[in-house]
PDB file of N, CA and C in Angstrom:
ATOM      1  N   MET A   1      53.499 106.744 135.007  1.00  0.00           N
ATOM      2  CA  MET A   1      52.942 107.853 135.770  1.00  0.00           C
ATOM      3  C   MET A   1      54.052 108.665 136.441  1.00  0.00           C
ATOM      4  N   ALA A   2      54.976 107.972 137.115  1.00  0.00           N
ATOM      5  CA  ALA A   2      56.074 108.662 137.791  1.00  0.00           C
ATOM      6  C   ALA A   2      56.966 109.368 136.774  1.00  0.00           C
ATOM      7  N   GLN A   3      57.169 108.735 135.632  1.00  0.00           N
ATOM      8  CA  GLN A   3      58.000 109.337 134.583  1.00  0.00           C
ATOM      9  C   GLN A   3      57.357 110.620 134.064  1.00  0.00           C
ATOM     10  N   ARG A   4      56.042 110.608 133.893  1.00  0.00           N
ATOM     11  CA  ARG A   4      55.331 111.787 133.413  1.00  0.00           C
ATOM     12  C   ARG A   4      55.444 112.927 134.430  1.00  0.00           C
ATOM     13  N   ALA A   5      55.283 112.630 135.705  1.00  0.00           N
ATOM     14  CA  ALA A   5      55.398 113.648 136.756  1.00  0.00           C
ATOM     15  C   ALA A   5      56.808 114.219 136.787  1.00  0.00           C
ATOM     16  N   LEU A   6      57.795 113.352 136.639  1.00  0.00           N
ATOM     17  CA  LEU A   6      59.186 113.806 136.636  1.00  0.00           C
ATOM     18  C   LEU A   6      59.460 114.701 135.427  1.00  0.00           C
ATOM     19  N   THR A   7      58.927 114.338 134.279  1.00  0.00           N
ATOM     20  CA  THR A   7      59.098 115.153 133.076  1.00  0.00           C
ATOM     21  C   THR A   7      58.452 116.525 133.255  1.00  0.00           C
ATOM     22  N   ARG A   8      57.241 116.545 133.822  1.00  0.00           N
ATOM     23  CA  ARG A   8      56.563 117.821 134.077  1.00  0.00           C
ATOM     24  C   ARG A   8      57.359 118.676 135.056  1.00  0.00           C
ATOM     25  N   PHE A   9      57.885 118.046 136.105  1.00  0.00           N
ATOM     26  CA  PHE A   9      58.678 118.771 137.100  1.00  0.00           C
ATOM     27  C   PHE A   9      59.900 119.409 136.444  1.00  0.00           C
ATOM     28  N   HIS A  10      60.608 118.644 135.638  1.00  0.00           N
ATOM     29  CA  HIS A  10      61.808 119.175 134.969  1.00  0.00           C
ATOM     30  C   HIS A  10      61.449 120.302 134.020  1.00  0.00           C
ATOM     31  N   SER A  11      60.323 120.172 133.335  1.00  0.00           N
ATOM     32  CA  SER A  11      59.884 121.228 132.428  1.00  0.00           C
ATOM     33  C   SER A  11      59.591 122.514 133.197  1.00  0.00           C
ATOM     34  N   ARG A  12      58.882 122.394 134.297  1.00  0.00           N
ATOM     35  CA  ARG A  12      58.568 123.574 135.111  1.00  0.00           C
ATOM     36  C   ARG A  12      59.826 124.172 135.725  1.00  0.00           C
ATOM     37  N   LEU A  13      60.714 123.317 136.187  1.00  0.00           N
ATOM     38  CA  LEU A  13      61.968 123.795 136.770  1.00  0.00           C
ATOM     39  C   LEU A  13      62.784 124.549 135.723  1.00  0.00           C
ATOM     40  N   GLY A  14      62.809 124.030 134.505  1.00  0.00           N
ATOM     41  CA  GLY A  14      63.528 124.703 133.422  1.00  0.00           C
ATOM     42  C   GLY A  14      62.941 126.066 133.110  1.00  0.00           C
ATOM     43  N   ARG A  15      61.609 126.160 133.084  1.00  0.00           N
ATOM     44  CA  ARG A  15      60.960 127.456 132.833  1.00  0.00           C
ATOM     45  C   ARG A  15      61.237 128.435 133.960  1.00  0.00           C
ATOM     46  N   LEU A  16      61.233 127.940 135.192  1.00  0.00           N
ATOM     47  CA  LEU A  16      61.531 128.800 136.336  1.00  0.00           C
ATOM     48  C   LEU A  16      62.961 129.331 136.241  1.00  0.00           C
ATOM     49  N   ALA A  17      63.908 128.453 135.941  1.00  0.00           N
ATOM     50  CA  ALA A  17      65.307 128.876 135.817  1.00  0.00           C
ATOM     51  C   ALA A  17      65.466 129.892 134.692  1.00  0.00           C
ATOM     52  N   LEU A  18      64.777 129.675 133.587  1.00  0.00           N
ATOM     53  CA  LEU A  18      64.838 130.618 132.477  1.00  0.00           C
ATOM     54  C   LEU A  18      64.278 131.972 132.891  1.00  0.00           C
ATOM     55  N   GLY A  19      63.169 131.968 133.619  1.00  0.00           N
ATOM     56  CA  GLY A  19      62.574 133.221 134.089  1.00  0.00           C
ATOM     57  C   GLY A  19      63.490 133.972 135.029  1.00  0.00           C
ATOM     58  N   VAL A  20      64.135 133.255 135.941  1.00  0.00           N
ATOM     59  CA  VAL A  20      65.068 133.895 136.874  1.00  0.00           C
ATOM     60  C   VAL A  20      66.250 134.471 136.112  1.00  0.00           C
ATOM     61  N   ALA A  21      66.793 133.713 135.172  1.00  0.00           N
ATOM     62  CA  ALA A  21      67.928 134.202 134.384  1.00  0.00           C
ATOM     63  C   ALA A  21      67.537 135.419 133.557  1.00  0.00           C
ATOM     64  N   LEU A  22      66.356 135.399 132.974  1.00  0.00           N
ATOM     65  CA  LEU A  22      65.892 136.532 132.180  1.00  0.00           C
ATOM     66  C   LEU A  22      65.706 137.765 133.055  1.00  0.00           C
ATOM     67  N   ALA A  23      65.104 137.587 134.217  1.00  0.00           N
ATOM     68  CA  ALA A  23      64.907 138.718 135.130  1.00  0.00           C
ATOM     69  C   ALA A  23      66.245 139.304 135.542  1.00  0.00           C
ATOM     70  N   ALA A  24      67.210 138.452 135.843  1.00  0.00           N
ATOM     71  CA  ALA A  24      68.530 138.946 136.239  1.00  0.00           C
ATOM     72  C   ALA A  24      69.202 139.678 135.090  1.00  0.00           C
ATOM     73  N   SER A  25      69.081 139.145 133.869  1.00  0.00           N
ATOM     74  CA  SER A  25      69.733 139.793 132.730  1.00  0.00           C
ATOM     75  C   SER A  25      69.093 141.132 132.402  1.00  0.00           C
ATOM     76  N   LEU A  26      67.841 141.298 132.740  1.00  0.00           N
ATOM     77  CA  LEU A  26      67.160 142.566 132.496  1.00  0.00           C
ATOM     78  C   LEU A  26      67.338 143.537 133.647  1.00  0.00           C
ATOM     79  N   GLY A  27      68.052 143.115 134.670  1.00  0.00           N
ATOM     80  CA  GLY A  27      68.266 143.982 135.816  1.00  0.00           C
ATOM     81  C   GLY A  27      67.061 144.047 136.737  1.00  0.00           C
ATOM     82  N   LEU A  28      66.095 143.147 136.553  1.00  0.00           N
ATOM     83  CA  LEU A  28      64.891 143.180 137.367  1.00  0.00           C
ATOM     84  C   LEU A  28      65.131 142.613 138.756  1.00  0.00           C
ATOM     85  N   ALA A  29      66.157 141.806 138.908  1.00  0.00           N
ATOM     86  CA  ALA A  29      66.409 141.174 140.193  1.00  0.00           C
ATOM     87  C   ALA A  29      67.051 142.149 141.178  1.00  0.00           C
ATOM     88  N   ALA A  30      67.740 143.136 140.684  1.00  0.00           N
ATOM     89  CA  ALA A  30      68.452 144.072 141.558  1.00  0.00           C
ATOM     90  C   ALA A  30      67.547 145.243 141.925  1.00  0.00           C
ATOM     91  N   ASP A  31      67.556 145.597 143.194  1.00  0.00           N
ATOM     92  CA  ASP A  31      66.698 146.662 143.713  1.00  0.00           C
ATOM     93  C   ASP A  31      67.517 147.938 143.901  1.00  0.00           C
ATOM     94  N   PRO A  32      67.279 148.968 143.077  1.00  0.00           N
ATOM     95  CA  PRO A  32      68.029 150.216 143.216  1.00  0.00           C
ATOM     96  C   PRO A  32      67.868 150.863 144.586  1.00  0.00           C
ATOM     97  N   ALA A  33      66.721 150.668 145.241  1.00  0.00           N
ATOM     98  CA  ALA A  33      66.524 151.249 146.580  1.00  0.00           C
ATOM     99  C   ALA A  33      67.492 150.629 147.580  1.00  0.00           C
ATOM    100  N   LYS A  34      67.719 149.334 147.455  1.00  0.00           N
ATOM    101  CA  LYS A  34      68.710 148.688 148.325  1.00  0.00           C
ATOM    102  C   LYS A  34      70.110 149.182 147.967  1.00  0.00           C
ATOM    103  N   GLY A  35      70.337 149.404 146.675  1.00  0.00           N
ATOM    104  CA  GLY A  35      71.620 149.946 146.235  1.00  0.00           C
ATOM    105  C   GLY A  35      71.862 151.340 146.779  1.00  0.00           C
ATOM    106  N   ARG A  36      70.797 152.140 146.879  1.00  0.00           N
ATOM    107  CA  ARG A  36      70.911 153.490 147.449  1.00  0.00           C
ATOM    108  C   ARG A  36      71.387 153.399 148.896  1.00  0.00           C
ATOM    109  N   ALA A  37      70.832 152.465 149.651  1.00  0.00           N
ATOM    110  CA  ALA A  37      71.248 152.291 151.045  1.00  0.00           C
ATOM    111  C   ALA A  37      72.714 151.862 151.117  1.00  0.00           C
ATOM    112  N   LEU A  38      73.130 150.983 150.229  1.00  0.00           N
ATOM    113  CA  LEU A  38      74.531 150.562 150.196  1.00  0.00           C
ATOM    114  C   LEU A  38      75.447 151.723 149.830  1.00  0.00           C
ATOM    115  N   PHE A  39      74.956 152.614 148.972  1.00  0.00           N
ATOM    116  CA  PHE A  39      75.767 153.742 148.506  1.00  0.00           C
ATOM    117  C   PHE A  39      76.132 154.691 149.642  1.00  0.00           C
ATOM    118  N   GLU A  40      75.413 154.657 150.745  1.00  0.00           N
ATOM    119  CA  GLU A  40      75.736 155.532 151.879  1.00  0.00           C
ATOM    120  C   GLU A  40      77.213 155.408 152.249  1.00  0.00           C
ATOM    121  N   GLN A  41      77.747 154.195 152.217  1.00  0.00           N
ATOM    122  CA  GLN A  41      79.170 154.010 152.522  1.00  0.00           C
ATOM    123  C   GLN A  41      80.046 154.593 151.413  1.00  0.00           C
ATOM    124  N   CYS A  42      79.597 154.504 150.192  1.00  0.00           N
ATOM    125  CA  CYS A  42      80.352 155.034 149.054  1.00  0.00           C
ATOM    126  C   CYS A  42      80.376 156.562 149.077  1.00  0.00           C
ATOM    127  N   SER A  43      79.331 157.144 149.675  1.00  0.00           N
ATOM    128  CA  SER A  43      79.193 158.605 149.656  1.00  0.00           C
ATOM    129  C   SER A  43      80.251 159.313 150.492  1.00  0.00           C
ATOM    130  N   VAL A  44      81.000 158.576 151.266  1.00  0.00           N
ATOM    131  CA  VAL A  44      82.132 159.176 151.973  1.00  0.00           C
ATOM    132  C   VAL A  44      83.145 159.696 150.947  1.00  0.00           C
ATOM    133  N   CYS A  45      83.280 158.987 149.844  1.00  0.00           N
ATOM    134  CA  CYS A  45      84.270 159.350 148.818  1.00  0.00           C
ATOM    135  C   CYS A  45      83.673 159.840 147.502  1.00  0.00           C
ATOM    136  N   HIS A  46      82.404 159.527 147.234  1.00  0.00           N
ATOM    137  CA  HIS A  46      81.787 159.850 145.948  1.00  0.00           C
ATOM    138  C   HIS A  46      80.496 160.632 146.138  1.00  0.00           C
ATOM    139  N   TYR A  47      80.315 161.665 145.309  1.00  0.00           N
ATOM    140  CA  TYR A  47      79.027 162.358 145.244  1.00  0.00           C
ATOM    141  C   TYR A  47      78.091 161.549 144.348  1.00  0.00           C
ATOM    142  N   ALA A  48      76.831 161.482 144.720  1.00  0.00           N
ATOM    143  CA  ALA A  48      75.827 160.859 143.859  1.00  0.00           C
ATOM    144  C   ALA A  48      75.123 161.903 143.006  1.00  0.00           C
ATOM    145  N   ASP A  49      75.133 163.150 143.470  1.00  0.00           N
ATOM    146  CA  ASP A  49      74.353 164.201 142.809  1.00  0.00           C
ATOM    147  C   ASP A  49      75.217 165.250 142.119  1.00  0.00           C
ATOM    148  N   ARG A  50      76.497 164.971 141.997  1.00  0.00           N
ATOM    149  CA  ARG A  50      77.426 165.912 141.348  1.00  0.00           C
ATOM    150  C   ARG A  50      78.470 165.129 140.569  1.00  0.00           C
ATOM    151  N   THR A  51      79.067 165.788 139.609  1.00  0.00           N
ATOM    152  CA  THR A  51      80.161 165.169 138.862  1.00  0.00           C
ATOM    153  C   THR A  51      81.515 165.575 139.424  1.00  0.00           C
ATOM    154  N   ASP A  52      81.507 166.512 140.379  1.00  0.00           N
ATOM    155  CA  ASP A  52      82.759 166.974 140.988  1.00  0.00           C
ATOM    156  C   ASP A  52      83.455 165.839 141.728  1.00  0.00           C
ATOM    157  N   LYS A  53      84.772 165.940 141.770  1.00  0.00           N
ATOM    158  CA  LYS A  53      85.551 164.970 142.524  1.00  0.00           C
ATOM    159  C   LYS A  53      85.432 165.287 144.010  1.00  0.00           C
ATOM    160  N   LYS A  54      85.201 164.286 144.810  1.00  0.00           N
ATOM    161  CA  LYS A  54      85.225 164.404 146.270  1.00  0.00           C
ATOM    162  C   LYS A  54      86.582 163.840 146.675  1.00  0.00           C
ATOM    163  N   ILE A  55      86.651 162.587 147.028  1.00  0.00           N
ATOM    164  CA  ILE A  55      87.920 161.864 147.118  1.00  0.00           C
ATOM    165  C   ILE A  55      88.056 161.040 145.839  1.00  0.00           C
ATOM    166  N   GLY A  56      86.949 160.416 145.469  1.00  0.00           N
ATOM    167  CA  GLY A  56      86.835 159.720 144.191  1.00  0.00           C
ATOM    168  C   GLY A  56      85.944 160.542 143.279  1.00  0.00           C
ATOM    169  N   PRO A  57      85.765 160.107 142.048  1.00  0.00           N
ATOM    170  CA  PRO A  57      84.961 160.885 141.099  1.00  0.00           C
ATOM    171  C   PRO A  57      83.491 160.965 141.496  1.00  0.00           C
ATOM    172  N   GLY A  58      82.856 162.084 141.149  1.00  0.00           N
ATOM    173  CA  GLY A  58      81.412 162.208 141.307  1.00  0.00           C
ATOM    174  C   GLY A  58      80.726 161.261 140.342  1.00  0.00           C
ATOM    175  N   LEU A  59      79.611 160.684 140.753  1.00  0.00           N
ATOM    176  CA  LEU A  59      78.992 159.627 139.964  1.00  0.00           C
ATOM    177  C   LEU A  59      77.666 160.019 139.310  1.00  0.00           C
ATOM    178  N   LYS A  60      77.288 161.289 139.414  1.00  0.00           N
ATOM    179  CA  LYS A  60      76.052 161.732 138.760  1.00  0.00           C
ATOM    180  C   LYS A  60      76.169 161.474 137.257  1.00  0.00           C
ATOM    181  N   GLY A  61      75.152 160.842 136.694  1.00  0.00           N
ATOM    182  CA  GLY A  61      75.154 160.564 135.259  1.00  0.00           C
ATOM    183  C   GLY A  61      76.179 159.537 134.825  1.00  0.00           C
ATOM    184  N   LEU A  62      76.629 158.700 135.735  1.00  0.00           N
ATOM    185  CA  LEU A  62      77.698 157.746 135.436  1.00  0.00           C
ATOM    186  C   LEU A  62      77.426 156.939 134.171  1.00  0.00           C
ATOM    187  N   PHE A  63      76.255 156.339 134.069  1.00  0.00           N
ATOM    188  CA  PHE A  63      75.981 155.459 132.934  1.00  0.00           C
ATOM    189  C   PHE A  63      75.614 156.212 131.663  1.00  0.00           C
ATOM    190  N   LYS A  64      75.656 157.536 131.700  1.00  0.00           N
ATOM    191  CA  LYS A  64      75.469 158.340 130.488  1.00  0.00           C
ATOM    192  C   LYS A  64      76.820 158.695 129.869  1.00  0.00           C
ATOM    193  N   ARG A  65      77.881 158.389 130.579  1.00  0.00           N
ATOM    194  CA  ARG A  65      79.234 158.699 130.090  1.00  0.00           C
ATOM    195  C   ARG A  65      79.720 157.596 129.160  1.00  0.00           C
ATOM    196  N   SER A  66      80.676 157.940 128.314  1.00  0.00           N
ATOM    197  CA  SER A  66      81.248 156.926 127.432  1.00  0.00           C
ATOM    198  C   SER A  66      82.470 156.261 128.061  1.00  0.00           C
ATOM    199  N   ARG A  67      83.137 156.979 128.965  1.00  0.00           N
ATOM    200  CA  ARG A  67      84.355 156.456 129.606  1.00  0.00           C
ATOM    201  C   ARG A  67      84.291 156.660 131.110  1.00  0.00           C
ATOM    202  N   MET A  68      84.959 155.774 131.811  1.00  0.00           N
ATOM    203  CA  MET A  68      85.096 155.914 133.260  1.00  0.00           C
ATOM    204  C   MET A  68      86.308 156.802 133.534  1.00  0.00           C
ATOM    205  N   SER A  69      86.484 157.204 134.777  1.00  0.00           N
ATOM    206  CA  SER A  69      87.597 158.102 135.108  1.00  0.00           C
ATOM    207  C   SER A  69      88.954 157.442 134.882  1.00  0.00           C
ATOM    208  N   ASN A  70      88.992 156.105 134.835  1.00  0.00           N
ATOM    209  CA  ASN A  70      90.248 155.408 134.560  1.00  0.00           C
ATOM    210  C   ASN A  70      90.503 155.247 133.063  1.00  0.00           C
ATOM    211  N   GLY A  71      89.604 155.803 132.229  1.00  0.00           N
ATOM    212  CA  GLY A  71      89.775 155.759 130.783  1.00  0.00           C
ATOM    213  C   GLY A  71      89.127 154.567 130.109  1.00  0.00           C
ATOM    214  N   LYS A  72      88.700 153.582 130.888  1.00  0.00           N
ATOM    215  CA  LYS A  72      88.068 152.406 130.293  1.00  0.00           C
ATOM    216  C   LYS A  72      86.661 152.744 129.820  1.00  0.00           C
ATOM    217  N   LYS A  73      86.211 151.993 128.811  1.00  0.00           N
ATOM    218  CA  LYS A  73      84.847 152.159 128.308  1.00  0.00           C
ATOM    219  C   LYS A  73      83.872 151.895 129.451  1.00  0.00           C
ATOM    220  N   LEU A  74      82.865 152.727 129.544  1.00  0.00           N
ATOM    221  CA  LEU A  74      81.902 152.566 130.619  1.00  0.00           C
ATOM    222  C   LEU A  74      80.884 151.493 130.250  1.00  0.00           C
ATOM    223  N   THR A  75      81.019 150.365 130.886  1.00  0.00           N
ATOM    224  CA  THR A  75      80.070 149.264 130.746  1.00  0.00           C
ATOM    225  C   THR A  75      79.716 148.795 132.149  1.00  0.00           C
ATOM    226  N   GLU A  76      78.608 148.102 132.250  1.00  0.00           N
ATOM    227  CA  GLU A  76      78.224 147.551 133.551  1.00  0.00           C
ATOM    228  C   GLU A  76      79.320 146.625 134.071  1.00  0.00           C
ATOM    229  N   GLN A  77      79.896 145.842 133.187  1.00  0.00           N
ATOM    230  CA  GLN A  77      80.955 144.907 133.575  1.00  0.00           C
ATOM    231  C   GLN A  77      82.173 145.654 134.126  1.00  0.00           C
ATOM    232  N   ASN A  78      82.579 146.755 133.493  1.00  0.00           N
ATOM    233  CA  ASN A  78      83.735 147.513 133.974  1.00  0.00           C
ATOM    234  C   ASN A  78      83.444 148.214 135.296  1.00  0.00           C
ATOM    235  N   VAL A  79      82.226 148.722 135.469  1.00  0.00           N
ATOM    236  CA  VAL A  79      81.853 149.344 136.747  1.00  0.00           C
ATOM    237  C   VAL A  79      81.887 148.291 137.843  1.00  0.00           C
ATOM    238  N   ARG A  80      81.314 147.134 137.548  1.00  0.00           N
ATOM    239  CA  ARG A  80      81.308 146.032 138.512  1.00  0.00           C
ATOM    240  C   ARG A  80      82.742 145.622 138.877  1.00  0.00           C
ATOM    241  N   ALA A  81      83.633 145.597 137.895  1.00  0.00           N
ATOM    242  CA  ALA A  81      85.028 145.218 138.147  1.00  0.00           C
ATOM    243  C   ALA A  81      85.703 146.207 139.093  1.00  0.00           C
ATOM    244  N   VAL A  82      85.439 147.498 138.933  1.00  0.00           N
ATOM    245  CA  VAL A  82      86.025 148.499 139.835  1.00  0.00           C
ATOM    246  C   VAL A  82      85.487 148.306 141.250  1.00  0.00           C
ATOM    247  N   ILE A  83      84.194 148.051 141.375  1.00  0.00           N
ATOM    248  CA  ILE A  83      83.619 147.826 142.705  1.00  0.00           C
ATOM    249  C   ILE A  83      84.249 146.586 143.336  1.00  0.00           C
ATOM    250  N   GLU A  84      84.368 145.527 142.572  1.00  0.00           N
ATOM    251  CA  GLU A  84      84.894 144.272 143.109  1.00  0.00           C
ATOM    252  C   GLU A  84      86.382 144.343 143.426  1.00  0.00           C
ATOM    253  N   ARG A  85      87.171 144.910 142.520  1.00  0.00           N
ATOM    254  CA  ARG A  85      88.635 144.867 142.645  1.00  0.00           C
ATOM    255  C   ARG A  85      89.256 146.141 143.195  1.00  0.00           C
ATOM    256  N   GLY A  86      88.487 147.238 143.171  1.00  0.00           N
ATOM    257  CA  GLY A  86      89.043 148.519 143.586  1.00  0.00           C
ATOM    258  C   GLY A  86      89.892 149.118 142.476  1.00  0.00           C
ATOM    259  N   ALA A  87      90.303 150.378 142.673  1.00  0.00           N
ATOM    260  CA  ALA A  87      91.130 151.058 141.674  1.00  0.00           C
ATOM    261  C   ALA A  87      91.545 152.422 142.193  1.00  0.00           C
ATOM    262  N   ASN A  88      92.756 152.835 141.883  1.00  0.00           N
ATOM    263  CA  ASN A  88      93.234 154.192 142.185  1.00  0.00           C
ATOM    264  C   ASN A  88      92.866 154.673 143.588  1.00  0.00           C
ATOM    265  N   GLY A  89      93.206 153.905 144.591  1.00  0.00           N
ATOM    266  CA  GLY A  89      92.924 154.296 145.967  1.00  0.00           C
ATOM    267  C   GLY A  89      91.600 153.800 146.503  1.00  0.00           C
ATOM    268  N   MET A  90      90.726 153.318 145.629  1.00  0.00           N
ATOM    269  CA  MET A  90      89.444 152.765 146.084  1.00  0.00           C
ATOM    270  C   MET A  90      89.659 151.318 146.507  1.00  0.00           C
ATOM    271  N   PRO A  91      89.193 150.961 147.703  1.00  0.00           N
ATOM    272  CA  PRO A  91      89.370 149.572 148.145  1.00  0.00           C
ATOM    273  C   PRO A  91      88.474 148.612 147.363  1.00  0.00           C
ATOM    274  N   ALA A  92      88.867 147.357 147.356  1.00  0.00           N
ATOM    275  CA  ALA A  92      88.065 146.305 146.726  1.00  0.00           C
ATOM    276  C   ALA A  92      86.906 145.934 147.648  1.00  0.00           C
ATOM    277  N   TYR A  93      85.749 145.697 147.065  1.00  0.00           N
ATOM    278  CA  TYR A  93      84.565 145.334 147.852  1.00  0.00           C
ATOM    279  C   TYR A  93      84.094 143.912 147.587  1.00  0.00           C
ATOM    280  N   LYS A  94      84.880 143.145 146.831  1.00  0.00           N
ATOM    281  CA  LYS A  94      84.503 141.773 146.492  1.00  0.00           C
ATOM    282  C   LYS A  94      84.272 140.921 147.736  1.00  0.00           C
ATOM    283  N   ASP A  95      85.083 141.111 148.759  1.00  0.00           N
ATOM    284  CA  ASP A  95      84.959 140.321 149.983  1.00  0.00           C
ATOM    285  C   ASP A  95      84.082 140.995 151.030  1.00  0.00           C
ATOM    286  N   ILE A  96      83.547 142.166 150.708  1.00  0.00           N
ATOM    287  CA  ILE A  96      82.704 142.914 151.646  1.00  0.00           C
ATOM    288  C   ILE A  96      81.240 142.848 151.219  1.00  0.00           C
ATOM    289  N   LEU A  97      80.999 143.026 149.928  1.00  0.00           N
ATOM    290  CA  LEU A  97      79.635 142.997 149.387  1.00  0.00           C
ATOM    291  C   LEU A  97      79.385 141.669 148.675  1.00  0.00           C
ATOM    292  N   SER A  98      78.186 141.157 148.802  1.00  0.00           N
ATOM    293  CA  SER A  98      77.806 139.942 148.079  1.00  0.00           C
ATOM    294  C   SER A  98      77.564 140.300 146.608  1.00  0.00           C
ATOM    295  N   PRO A  99      77.570 139.302 145.730  1.00  0.00           N
ATOM    296  CA  PRO A  99      77.241 139.590 144.329  1.00  0.00           C
ATOM    297  C   PRO A  99      75.872 140.266 144.182  1.00  0.00           C
ATOM    298  N   ALA A 100      74.898 139.868 144.988  1.00  0.00           N
ATOM    299  CA  ALA A 100      73.567 140.493 144.923  1.00  0.00           C
ATOM    300  C   ALA A 100      73.639 141.956 145.345  1.00  0.00           C
ATOM    301  N   GLN A 101      74.436 142.259 146.360  1.00  0.00           N
ATOM    302  CA  GLN A 101      74.584 143.652 146.795  1.00  0.00           C
ATOM    303  C   GLN A 101      75.278 144.485 145.724  1.00  0.00           C
ATOM    304  N   ILE A 102      76.255 143.910 145.054  1.00  0.00           N
ATOM    305  CA  ILE A 102      76.922 144.629 143.962  1.00  0.00           C
ATOM    306  C   ILE A 102      75.923 144.885 142.841  1.00  0.00           C
ATOM    307  N   ASP A 103      75.065 143.910 142.550  1.00  0.00           N
ATOM    308  CA  ASP A 103      74.004 144.113 141.551  1.00  0.00           C
ATOM    309  C   ASP A 103      73.108 145.276 141.955  1.00  0.00           C
ATOM    310  N   GLU A 104      72.736 145.333 143.234  1.00  0.00           N
ATOM    311  CA  GLU A 104      71.873 146.409 143.723  1.00  0.00           C
ATOM    312  C   GLU A 104      72.574 147.761 143.634  1.00  0.00           C
ATOM    313  N   LEU A 105      73.851 147.784 143.969  1.00  0.00           N
ATOM    314  CA  LEU A 105      74.613 149.024 143.884  1.00  0.00           C
ATOM    315  C   LEU A 105      74.700 149.500 142.438  1.00  0.00           C
ATOM    316  N   VAL A 106      74.973 148.594 141.520  1.00  0.00           N
ATOM    317  CA  VAL A 106      75.032 148.951 140.098  1.00  0.00           C
ATOM    318  C   VAL A 106      73.658 149.432 139.624  1.00  0.00           C
ATOM    319  N   ALA A 107      72.595 148.776 140.073  1.00  0.00           N
ATOM    320  CA  ALA A 107      71.237 149.215 139.704  1.00  0.00           C
ATOM    321  C   ALA A 107      70.994 150.642 140.182  1.00  0.00           C
ATOM    322  N   PHE A 108      71.464 150.980 141.378  1.00  0.00           N
ATOM    323  CA  PHE A 108      71.324 152.350 141.877  1.00  0.00           C
ATOM    324  C   PHE A 108      72.157 153.312 141.040  1.00  0.00           C
ATOM    325  N   LEU A 109      73.398 152.953 140.743  1.00  0.00           N
ATOM    326  CA  LEU A 109      74.267 153.836 139.960  1.00  0.00           C
ATOM    327  C   LEU A 109      73.647 154.152 138.597  1.00  0.00           C
ATOM    328  N   LYS A 110      72.898 153.226 138.047  1.00  0.00           N
ATOM    329  CA  LYS A 110      72.228 153.458 136.759  1.00  0.00           C
ATOM    330  C   LYS A 110      71.140 154.517 136.864  1.00  0.00           C
ATOM    331  N   THR A 111      70.657 154.788 138.069  1.00  0.00           N
ATOM    332  CA  THR A 111      69.602 155.792 138.241  1.00  0.00           C
ATOM    333  C   THR A 111      70.154 157.200 138.392  1.00  0.00           C
ATOM    334  N   LEU A 112      71.453 157.339 138.551  1.00  0.00           N
ATOM    335  CA  LEU A 112      72.043 158.661 138.805  1.00  0.00           C
ATOM    336  C   LEU A 112      72.089 159.505 137.543  1.00  0.00           C
TER     337      LEU A 112
END
């Protein structure tokens, strides 16, 4: 009886973990509205509604571009790396923003 309950528990736990991983991979876990609020700090240097350079590049249509301003291919991973590590005068945010906040910020950037 205890073995059966334990097996059922592990099965349910596995399905839950799979669902969470799937939601995260589909970007469902990140809230663009929270990312918009985080972007307020970014807006000191970046426009969200223009492609013009402010201090840093304008980010309107960012994920529709093929390349980032540093010449690298525009992928979610490369955008995340710039946010985490900084680049060309932009400070690193790895120690300032949590991974979940970076996910939310990237989710917002995808809406521009």
